[in-house]
């Protein structure tokens, strides 16, 4: 399961979806010059793309602190000097690749979880909050927080593409 499975373009941003490990996804957004990675399970394919296309990796956005979403962070820091964003960063709006990104607190699966919503691109990256086939099981979060976080995602515009951290189908 180590190959690009999907590539899409939203405005001027290319989204690449890489299946990694047994059932995880990592997502690479780029504008042809700069890139942002969402989660960093296995990053071999990401390194190849960044090197081959001479992209500057700006940031790794981490949805939660489980190893299958973070184990490539140190490798990317050593190779490219890029820092990884802790999910403990407060909710706020940032700009990445010229587009607004809402960093949304979505605990439940874990105590500290973030989703990354790009309203202009109509994409949200939910990590293990909402995945194909269900939602992440409650590990150190609570059912109430999980339910409230799922409501936040449900309240996004209907045309929003939801991209989760696993493929369980």
N, C-alpha and C. Protein backbone atom coordinates (compact mmCIF):
# COMPACT_ATOMS: atom_id res chain seq x y z
N UNK A 1 0.83 -1.20 0.00
CA UNK A 1 0.00 0.00 0.00
C UNK A 1 0.87 1.24 0.00
N UNK A 2 1.93 1.28 -0.78
CA UNK A 2 2.83 2.42 -0.80
C UNK A 2 2.85 3.07 -2.16
N UNK A 3 1.79 3.74 -2.53
CA UNK A 3 1.75 4.47 -3.78
C UNK A 3 0.69 5.56 -3.67
N UNK A 4 0.86 6.56 -4.49
CA UNK A 4 -0.13 7.63 -4.57
C UNK A 4 -1.45 7.03 -5.04
N UNK A 5 -2.54 7.29 -4.29
CA UNK A 5 -3.81 6.73 -4.73
C UNK A 5 -4.72 7.76 -5.37
N UNK A 6 -4.47 9.01 -5.09
CA UNK A 6 -5.37 10.01 -5.63
C UNK A 6 -4.64 11.34 -5.70
N UNK A 7 -4.90 12.07 -6.76
CA UNK A 7 -4.40 13.44 -6.88
C UNK A 7 -5.55 14.29 -7.39
N UNK A 8 -5.77 15.42 -6.74
CA UNK A 8 -6.84 16.34 -7.12
C UNK A 8 -6.30 17.75 -7.08
N UNK A 9 -6.94 18.65 -7.80
CA UNK A 9 -6.55 20.05 -7.78
C UNK A 9 -7.74 20.89 -7.35
N UNK A 10 -7.48 21.79 -6.42
CA UNK A 10 -8.48 22.73 -5.91
C UNK A 10 -7.90 24.12 -6.09
N UNK A 11 -8.53 24.92 -6.95
CA UNK A 11 -7.97 26.22 -7.30
C UNK A 11 -6.57 25.98 -7.81
N UNK A 12 -5.56 26.54 -7.21
CA UNK A 12 -4.18 26.33 -7.66
C UNK A 12 -3.43 25.34 -6.78
N UNK A 13 -4.14 24.64 -5.92
CA UNK A 13 -3.52 23.73 -4.96
C UNK A 13 -3.73 22.28 -5.38
N UNK A 14 -2.64 21.55 -5.39
CA UNK A 14 -2.70 20.12 -5.70
C UNK A 14 -2.74 19.35 -4.37
N UNK A 15 -3.64 18.40 -4.28
CA UNK A 15 -3.75 17.52 -3.12
C UNK A 15 -3.35 16.13 -3.56
N UNK A 16 -2.40 15.54 -2.83
CA UNK A 16 -2.02 14.16 -3.10
C UNK A 16 -2.30 13.34 -1.84
N UNK A 17 -2.92 12.20 -2.06
CA UNK A 17 -3.28 11.30 -0.96
C UNK A 17 -2.40 10.07 -1.08
N UNK A 18 -1.63 9.81 -0.02
CA UNK A 18 -0.75 8.65 0.01
C UNK A 18 -1.22 7.66 1.07
N UNK A 19 -1.47 6.42 0.69
CA UNK A 19 -1.73 5.40 1.70
C UNK A 19 -0.39 4.97 2.30
N UNK A 20 -0.32 4.87 3.61
CA UNK A 20 0.92 4.46 4.28
C UNK A 20 0.59 3.46 5.37
N UNK A 21 1.63 2.81 5.86
CA UNK A 21 1.48 1.79 6.90
C UNK A 21 0.42 0.80 6.45
N UNK A 22 -0.41 0.33 7.31
CA UNK A 22 -1.42 -0.65 6.89
C UNK A 22 -2.69 -0.01 6.38
N UNK A 23 -3.11 1.09 7.01
CA UNK A 23 -4.39 1.68 6.63
C UNK A 23 -4.47 3.19 6.87
N UNK A 24 -3.32 3.85 6.98
CA UNK A 24 -3.29 5.29 7.21
C UNK A 24 -3.21 6.06 5.90
N UNK A 25 -3.53 7.34 5.98
CA UNK A 25 -3.31 8.27 4.88
C UNK A 25 -2.45 9.42 5.38
N UNK A 26 -1.58 9.93 4.50
CA UNK A 26 -0.95 11.23 4.69
C UNK A 26 -1.35 12.06 3.47
N UNK A 27 -1.46 13.36 3.69
CA UNK A 27 -1.95 14.26 2.64
C UNK A 27 -0.93 15.35 2.39
N UNK A 28 -0.59 15.56 1.14
CA UNK A 28 0.35 16.61 0.76
C UNK A 28 -0.38 17.63 -0.09
N UNK A 29 -0.39 18.87 0.38
CA UNK A 29 -0.93 19.99 -0.38
C UNK A 29 0.24 20.79 -0.91
N UNK A 30 0.20 21.19 -2.20
CA UNK A 30 1.27 22.05 -2.70
C UNK A 30 0.76 22.98 -3.79
N UNK A 31 1.50 24.07 -3.96
CA UNK A 31 1.16 25.04 -5.00
C UNK A 31 2.18 25.03 -6.14
N UNK A 32 3.00 24.00 -6.19
CA UNK A 32 4.04 23.91 -7.20
C UNK A 32 5.40 24.37 -6.69
N UNK A 33 5.40 25.14 -5.61
CA UNK A 33 6.64 25.62 -5.01
C UNK A 33 6.76 25.25 -3.53
N UNK A 34 5.66 25.40 -2.83
CA UNK A 34 5.62 25.17 -1.38
C UNK A 34 4.60 24.07 -1.08
N UNK A 35 4.83 23.39 0.05
CA UNK A 35 3.94 22.29 0.41
C UNK A 35 3.68 22.27 1.91
N UNK A 36 2.54 21.69 2.26
CA UNK A 36 2.15 21.45 3.64
C UNK A 36 1.70 19.99 3.71
N UNK A 37 2.14 19.30 4.75
CA UNK A 37 1.78 17.90 4.93
C UNK A 37 0.81 17.79 6.10
N UNK A 38 -0.22 16.98 5.95
CA UNK A 38 -1.13 16.69 7.05
C UNK A 38 -0.83 15.27 7.51
N UNK A 39 -0.40 15.18 8.75
CA UNK A 39 0.02 13.96 9.43
C UNK A 39 1.27 13.37 8.75
N UNK A 40 2.01 12.62 9.54
CA UNK A 40 3.32 12.15 9.07
C UNK A 40 3.57 10.72 9.55
N UNK A 41 2.73 9.81 9.07
CA UNK A 41 2.99 8.40 9.39
C UNK A 41 4.29 8.00 8.73
N UNK A 42 4.25 7.25 7.68
CA UNK A 42 5.42 6.91 6.89
C UNK A 42 5.61 8.02 5.85
N UNK A 43 6.80 8.60 5.77
CA UNK A 43 6.99 9.78 4.92
C UNK A 43 7.92 9.53 3.73
N UNK A 44 8.24 8.28 3.43
CA UNK A 44 9.16 7.99 2.31
C UNK A 44 8.65 8.61 1.00
N UNK A 45 7.38 8.40 0.69
CA UNK A 45 6.82 8.93 -0.55
C UNK A 45 6.82 10.45 -0.57
N UNK A 46 6.54 11.05 0.57
CA UNK A 46 6.52 12.50 0.67
C UNK A 46 7.92 13.06 0.39
N UNK A 47 8.94 12.44 0.97
CA UNK A 47 10.31 12.88 0.74
C UNK A 47 10.65 12.80 -0.74
N UNK A 48 10.26 11.71 -1.39
CA UNK A 48 10.52 11.56 -2.82
C UNK A 48 9.87 12.69 -3.62
N UNK A 49 8.61 12.98 -3.34
CA UNK A 49 7.90 14.04 -4.07
C UNK A 49 8.54 15.40 -3.81
N UNK A 50 8.81 15.70 -2.55
CA UNK A 50 9.40 17.00 -2.20
C UNK A 50 10.76 17.16 -2.91
N UNK A 51 11.58 16.12 -2.88
CA UNK A 51 12.89 16.19 -3.55
C UNK A 51 12.75 16.27 -5.06
N UNK A 52 11.96 15.38 -5.65
CA UNK A 52 11.84 15.32 -7.12
C UNK A 52 11.23 16.59 -7.71
N UNK A 53 10.31 17.20 -6.97
CA UNK A 53 9.64 18.40 -7.49
C UNK A 53 10.21 19.68 -6.90
N UNK A 54 11.24 19.54 -6.09
CA UNK A 54 11.92 20.69 -5.48
C UNK A 54 10.95 21.61 -4.76
N UNK A 55 10.07 20.98 -3.98
CA UNK A 55 9.11 21.74 -3.17
C UNK A 55 9.76 22.12 -1.86
N UNK A 56 9.35 23.24 -1.32
CA UNK A 56 9.77 23.62 0.02
C UNK A 56 8.64 23.24 0.98
N UNK A 57 8.92 22.25 1.83
CA UNK A 57 7.93 21.82 2.81
C UNK A 57 7.91 22.84 3.94
N UNK A 58 6.77 23.48 4.14
CA UNK A 58 6.64 24.58 5.11
C UNK A 58 6.28 24.11 6.51
N UNK A 59 5.42 23.10 6.61
CA UNK A 59 4.89 22.71 7.91
C UNK A 59 4.28 21.33 7.81
N UNK A 60 4.28 20.62 8.94
CA UNK A 60 3.55 19.37 9.06
C UNK A 60 2.46 19.62 10.09
N UNK A 61 1.22 19.51 9.68
CA UNK A 61 0.08 19.72 10.56
C UNK A 61 -0.32 18.37 11.13
N UNK A 62 -0.31 18.24 12.44
CA UNK A 62 -0.56 16.97 13.10
C UNK A 62 -1.95 16.99 13.73
N UNK A 63 -2.76 15.99 13.41
CA UNK A 63 -4.13 15.94 13.94
C UNK A 63 -4.19 15.45 15.38
N UNK A 64 -3.33 14.49 15.73
CA UNK A 64 -3.26 13.99 17.10
C UNK A 64 -1.94 13.25 17.28
N UNK A 65 -1.62 12.90 18.50
CA UNK A 65 -0.26 12.46 18.81
C UNK A 65 0.01 10.96 18.72
N UNK A 66 -0.82 10.21 18.06
CA UNK A 66 -0.54 8.77 17.91
C UNK A 66 0.58 8.55 16.91
N UNK A 67 1.39 7.56 17.19
CA UNK A 67 2.61 7.29 16.41
C UNK A 67 2.33 7.10 14.92
N UNK A 68 1.20 6.47 14.59
CA UNK A 68 0.91 6.27 13.17
C UNK A 68 0.60 7.56 12.43
N UNK A 69 0.54 8.69 13.15
CA UNK A 69 0.33 10.00 12.54
C UNK A 69 1.54 10.91 12.73
N UNK A 70 2.52 10.47 13.52
CA UNK A 70 3.63 11.36 13.88
C UNK A 70 5.02 10.79 13.63
N UNK A 71 5.15 9.50 13.37
CA UNK A 71 6.49 8.91 13.39
C UNK A 71 7.43 9.42 12.32
N UNK A 72 6.95 10.12 11.32
CA UNK A 72 7.83 10.71 10.31
C UNK A 72 8.26 12.13 10.62
N UNK A 73 7.76 12.70 11.71
CA UNK A 73 8.06 14.11 12.01
C UNK A 73 9.55 14.37 12.18
N UNK A 74 10.22 13.57 12.96
CA UNK A 74 11.66 13.79 13.20
C UNK A 74 12.45 13.64 11.90
N UNK A 75 12.08 12.68 11.08
CA UNK A 75 12.76 12.48 9.80
C UNK A 75 12.63 13.73 8.94
N UNK A 76 11.43 14.30 8.86
CA UNK A 76 11.21 15.50 8.06
C UNK A 76 11.95 16.70 8.64
N UNK A 77 12.02 16.78 9.95
CA UNK A 77 12.76 17.87 10.58
C UNK A 77 14.26 17.74 10.25
N UNK A 78 14.79 16.54 10.36
CA UNK A 78 16.21 16.34 10.07
C UNK A 78 16.53 16.55 8.60
N UNK A 79 15.65 16.11 7.73
CA UNK A 79 15.91 16.17 6.28
C UNK A 79 15.67 17.57 5.70
N UNK A 80 14.59 18.24 6.15
CA UNK A 80 14.20 19.51 5.55
C UNK A 80 14.20 20.69 6.52
N UNK A 81 14.40 20.42 7.81
CA UNK A 81 14.36 21.50 8.80
C UNK A 81 12.96 21.99 9.10
N UNK A 82 11.97 21.23 8.67
CA UNK A 82 10.57 21.64 8.85
C UNK A 82 10.07 21.17 10.22
N UNK A 83 9.30 22.02 10.86
CA UNK A 83 8.74 21.68 12.16
C UNK A 83 7.36 21.07 11.99
N UNK A 84 6.96 20.28 12.95
CA UNK A 84 5.64 19.68 12.96
C UNK A 84 4.79 20.40 13.98
N UNK A 85 3.56 20.66 13.62
CA UNK A 85 2.62 21.37 14.47
C UNK A 85 2.00 20.42 15.46
N UNK A 86 2.15 20.69 16.72
CA UNK A 86 1.52 19.88 17.76
C UNK A 86 0.02 20.08 17.73
N UNK A 87 -0.75 19.04 17.97
CA UNK A 87 -2.20 19.23 18.04
C UNK A 87 -2.63 20.06 19.24
N UNK A 88 -1.70 20.35 20.16
CA UNK A 88 -2.06 21.16 21.32
C UNK A 88 -2.13 22.64 21.00
N UNK A 89 -1.71 23.04 19.80
CA UNK A 89 -1.81 24.44 19.39
C UNK A 89 -3.27 24.86 19.45
N UNK A 90 -3.50 26.05 19.94
CA UNK A 90 -4.88 26.53 20.12
C UNK A 90 -5.62 26.61 18.78
N UNK A 91 -6.93 26.57 18.87
CA UNK A 91 -7.75 26.75 17.67
C UNK A 91 -7.56 28.18 17.18
N UNK A 92 -7.40 28.31 15.88
CA UNK A 92 -7.20 29.64 15.30
C UNK A 92 -7.25 29.53 13.78
N UNK A 93 -7.20 30.65 13.12
CA UNK A 93 -7.15 30.68 11.67
C UNK A 93 -5.75 31.08 11.24
N UNK A 94 -5.22 30.33 10.29
CA UNK A 94 -3.88 30.57 9.76
C UNK A 94 -3.98 30.65 8.25
N UNK A 95 -2.87 30.95 7.60
CA UNK A 95 -2.83 30.93 6.14
C UNK A 95 -1.73 29.99 5.71
N UNK A 96 -2.09 29.08 4.81
CA UNK A 96 -1.13 28.14 4.22
C UNK A 96 -1.33 28.12 2.72
N UNK A 97 -0.25 28.30 1.98
CA UNK A 97 -0.27 28.24 0.52
C UNK A 97 -1.23 29.27 -0.06
N UNK A 98 -1.40 30.39 0.64
CA UNK A 98 -2.28 31.46 0.17
C UNK A 98 -3.75 31.26 0.48
N UNK A 99 -4.07 30.25 1.27
CA UNK A 99 -5.46 29.97 1.61
C UNK A 99 -5.64 29.90 3.12
N UNK A 100 -6.80 30.31 3.56
CA UNK A 100 -7.14 30.28 4.98
C UNK A 100 -7.29 28.83 5.45
N UNK A 101 -6.76 28.56 6.64
CA UNK A 101 -6.89 27.25 7.27
C UNK A 101 -7.39 27.46 8.69
N UNK A 102 -8.54 26.91 8.98
CA UNK A 102 -9.08 26.98 10.33
C UNK A 102 -8.61 25.76 11.10
N UNK A 103 -7.85 25.99 12.17
CA UNK A 103 -7.39 24.93 13.04
C UNK A 103 -8.49 24.75 14.08
N UNK A 104 -9.20 23.62 14.01
CA UNK A 104 -10.41 23.40 14.79
C UNK A 104 -10.15 22.34 15.86
N UNK A 105 -10.46 22.65 17.10
CA UNK A 105 -10.34 21.68 18.17
C UNK A 105 -11.45 20.64 18.03
N UNK A 106 -11.04 19.37 17.85
CA UNK A 106 -12.02 18.29 17.67
C UNK A 106 -11.65 17.08 18.53
N UNK A 107 -11.65 17.25 19.85
CA UNK A 107 -11.30 16.13 20.73
C UNK A 107 -12.39 15.07 20.74
N UNK A 108 -12.02 13.92 21.24
CA UNK A 108 -12.97 12.81 21.37
C UNK A 108 -12.22 11.51 21.22
N UNK A 109 -11.65 11.30 20.03
CA UNK A 109 -10.80 10.13 19.82
C UNK A 109 -9.65 10.18 20.84
N UNK A 110 -9.02 11.33 20.93
CA UNK A 110 -8.04 11.60 21.97
C UNK A 110 -8.43 12.90 22.67
N UNK A 111 -7.78 13.15 23.76
CA UNK A 111 -8.08 14.35 24.56
C UNK A 111 -7.78 15.62 23.77
N UNK A 112 -6.70 15.58 22.99
CA UNK A 112 -6.30 16.74 22.19
C UNK A 112 -6.24 16.31 20.73
N UNK A 113 -7.15 16.81 19.94
CA UNK A 113 -7.25 16.50 18.52
C UNK A 113 -7.51 17.80 17.77
N UNK A 114 -6.99 17.89 16.57
CA UNK A 114 -7.28 19.03 15.71
C UNK A 114 -7.73 18.53 14.35
N UNK A 115 -8.61 19.30 13.74
CA UNK A 115 -8.95 19.12 12.33
C UNK A 115 -8.50 20.40 11.63
N UNK A 116 -8.18 20.28 10.36
CA UNK A 116 -7.69 21.42 9.59
C UNK A 116 -8.64 21.65 8.43
N UNK A 117 -9.37 22.77 8.50
CA UNK A 117 -10.41 23.09 7.53
C UNK A 117 -9.95 24.23 6.64
N UNK A 118 -9.93 23.98 5.33
CA UNK A 118 -9.59 24.99 4.33
C UNK A 118 -10.90 25.38 3.63
N UNK A 119 -11.58 26.43 4.11
CA UNK A 119 -12.91 26.75 3.58
C UNK A 119 -12.91 27.09 2.08
N UNK A 120 -11.90 27.80 1.59
CA UNK A 120 -11.88 28.16 0.17
C UNK A 120 -11.65 26.94 -0.72
N UNK A 121 -10.94 25.95 -0.18
CA UNK A 121 -10.70 24.71 -0.93
C UNK A 121 -11.80 23.69 -0.71
N UNK A 122 -12.63 23.94 0.30
CA UNK A 122 -13.74 23.04 0.66
C UNK A 122 -13.23 21.65 1.05
N UNK A 123 -12.18 21.64 1.89
CA UNK A 123 -11.57 20.40 2.37
C UNK A 123 -11.37 20.51 3.87
N UNK A 124 -11.62 19.40 4.58
CA UNK A 124 -11.27 19.31 5.99
C UNK A 124 -10.52 17.99 6.22
N UNK A 125 -9.42 18.09 6.94
CA UNK A 125 -8.62 16.93 7.32
C UNK A 125 -8.93 16.63 8.78
N UNK A 126 -9.50 15.47 9.05
CA UNK A 126 -10.03 15.18 10.38
C UNK A 126 -9.21 14.18 11.19
N UNK A 127 -8.11 13.68 10.65
CA UNK A 127 -7.35 12.67 11.39
C UNK A 127 -8.24 11.48 11.69
N UNK A 128 -8.29 11.07 12.95
CA UNK A 128 -9.10 9.91 13.32
C UNK A 128 -10.47 10.28 13.87
N UNK A 129 -10.81 11.56 13.85
CA UNK A 129 -12.14 11.95 14.31
C UNK A 129 -13.21 11.30 13.43
N UNK A 130 -13.12 11.53 12.14
CA UNK A 130 -14.10 11.01 11.19
C UNK A 130 -13.34 10.37 10.06
N UNK A 131 -13.54 9.08 9.86
CA UNK A 131 -12.82 8.32 8.85
C UNK A 131 -13.82 7.54 8.02
N UNK A 132 -13.39 7.06 6.84
CA UNK A 132 -14.34 6.26 6.08
C UNK A 132 -14.64 5.00 6.88
N UNK A 133 -15.85 4.68 6.99
CA UNK A 133 -16.26 3.52 7.78
C UNK A 133 -16.59 3.84 9.22
N UNK A 134 -16.52 5.10 9.64
CA UNK A 134 -16.88 5.42 11.03
C UNK A 134 -16.10 6.57 11.61
N UNK A 135 -15.84 6.46 12.91
CA UNK A 135 -15.06 7.47 13.60
C UNK A 135 -14.06 6.75 14.50
N UNK A 136 -13.03 7.49 14.90
CA UNK A 136 -12.02 6.89 15.76
C UNK A 136 -12.62 6.52 17.11
N UNK A 137 -12.21 5.39 17.64
CA UNK A 137 -12.72 4.98 18.95
C UNK A 137 -12.18 5.92 20.02
N UNK A 138 -12.93 6.08 21.07
CA UNK A 138 -12.53 6.96 22.16
C UNK A 138 -11.40 6.27 22.93
N UNK A 139 -10.25 6.92 22.97
CA UNK A 139 -9.09 6.35 23.66
C UNK A 139 -8.88 7.10 24.98
N UNK A 140 -8.56 8.39 24.91
CA UNK A 140 -8.45 9.15 26.15
C UNK A 140 -9.29 10.42 26.11
N UNK A 141 -10.20 10.49 25.12
CA UNK A 141 -11.17 11.56 25.07
C UNK A 141 -12.44 11.09 25.78
N UNK A 142 -13.56 11.69 25.42
CA UNK A 142 -14.84 11.26 25.98
C UNK A 142 -15.87 11.16 24.86
N UNK A 143 -16.91 10.39 25.09
CA UNK A 143 -17.98 10.26 24.09
C UNK A 143 -18.66 11.61 23.84
N UNK A 144 -18.85 12.38 24.90
CA UNK A 144 -19.48 13.69 24.75
C UNK A 144 -18.63 14.61 23.87
N UNK A 145 -17.33 14.61 24.08
CA UNK A 145 -16.46 15.45 23.26
C UNK A 145 -16.43 14.95 21.82
N UNK A 146 -16.41 13.64 21.64
CA UNK A 146 -16.44 13.07 20.30
C UNK A 146 -17.71 13.50 19.57
N UNK A 147 -18.84 13.40 20.24
CA UNK A 147 -20.11 13.79 19.65
C UNK A 147 -20.11 15.27 19.27
N UNK A 148 -19.63 16.12 20.17
CA UNK A 148 -19.58 17.56 19.89
C UNK A 148 -18.63 17.88 18.75
N UNK A 149 -17.53 17.16 18.66
CA UNK A 149 -16.58 17.39 17.57
C UNK A 149 -17.17 16.93 16.23
N UNK A 150 -17.87 15.81 16.24
CA UNK A 150 -18.52 15.35 15.01
C UNK A 150 -19.58 16.34 14.54
N UNK A 151 -20.26 16.99 15.49
CA UNK A 151 -21.25 18.02 15.12
C UNK A 151 -20.56 19.20 14.42
N UNK A 152 -19.34 19.55 14.87
CA UNK A 152 -18.60 20.65 14.21
C UNK A 152 -18.36 20.30 12.74
N UNK A 153 -17.97 19.07 12.48
CA UNK A 153 -17.70 18.66 11.10
C UNK A 153 -19.01 18.60 10.31
N UNK A 154 -20.07 18.10 10.94
CA UNK A 154 -21.38 18.03 10.29
C UNK A 154 -21.88 19.41 9.89
N UNK A 155 -21.52 20.43 10.66
CA UNK A 155 -21.99 21.79 10.40
C UNK A 155 -21.20 22.51 9.31
N UNK A 156 -20.16 21.89 8.78
CA UNK A 156 -19.45 22.49 7.66
C UNK A 156 -20.35 22.43 6.43
N UNK A 157 -20.09 23.26 5.43
CA UNK A 157 -20.91 23.22 4.21
C UNK A 157 -20.95 21.82 3.60
N UNK A 158 -22.09 21.46 3.03
CA UNK A 158 -22.30 20.12 2.49
C UNK A 158 -21.27 19.72 1.44
N UNK A 159 -20.74 20.69 0.70
CA UNK A 159 -19.79 20.37 -0.37
C UNK A 159 -18.37 20.13 0.14
N UNK A 160 -18.18 20.18 1.46
CA UNK A 160 -16.85 19.98 2.03
C UNK A 160 -16.41 18.52 1.90
N UNK A 161 -15.22 18.32 1.36
CA UNK A 161 -14.63 17.00 1.24
C UNK A 161 -13.97 16.67 2.59
N UNK A 162 -14.40 15.57 3.20
CA UNK A 162 -13.85 15.14 4.49
C UNK A 162 -12.79 14.08 4.23
N UNK A 163 -11.58 14.36 4.72
CA UNK A 163 -10.45 13.44 4.53
C UNK A 163 -9.95 12.99 5.89
N UNK A 164 -10.14 11.72 6.17
CA UNK A 164 -9.77 11.15 7.46
C UNK A 164 -8.41 10.50 7.43
N UNK A 165 -7.97 10.01 8.58
CA UNK A 165 -6.64 9.48 8.74
C UNK A 165 -6.47 8.02 8.43
N UNK A 166 -7.56 7.28 8.17
CA UNK A 166 -7.47 5.83 7.95
C UNK A 166 -8.41 5.39 6.86
N UNK A 167 -8.12 4.23 6.32
CA UNK A 167 -9.01 3.56 5.37
C UNK A 167 -9.41 2.23 6.00
N UNK A 168 -10.61 2.16 6.52
CA UNK A 168 -11.09 0.92 7.14
C UNK A 168 -12.10 0.18 6.27
N UNK A 169 -12.25 0.63 5.03
CA UNK A 169 -13.22 -0.02 4.14
C UNK A 169 -12.58 -1.04 3.23
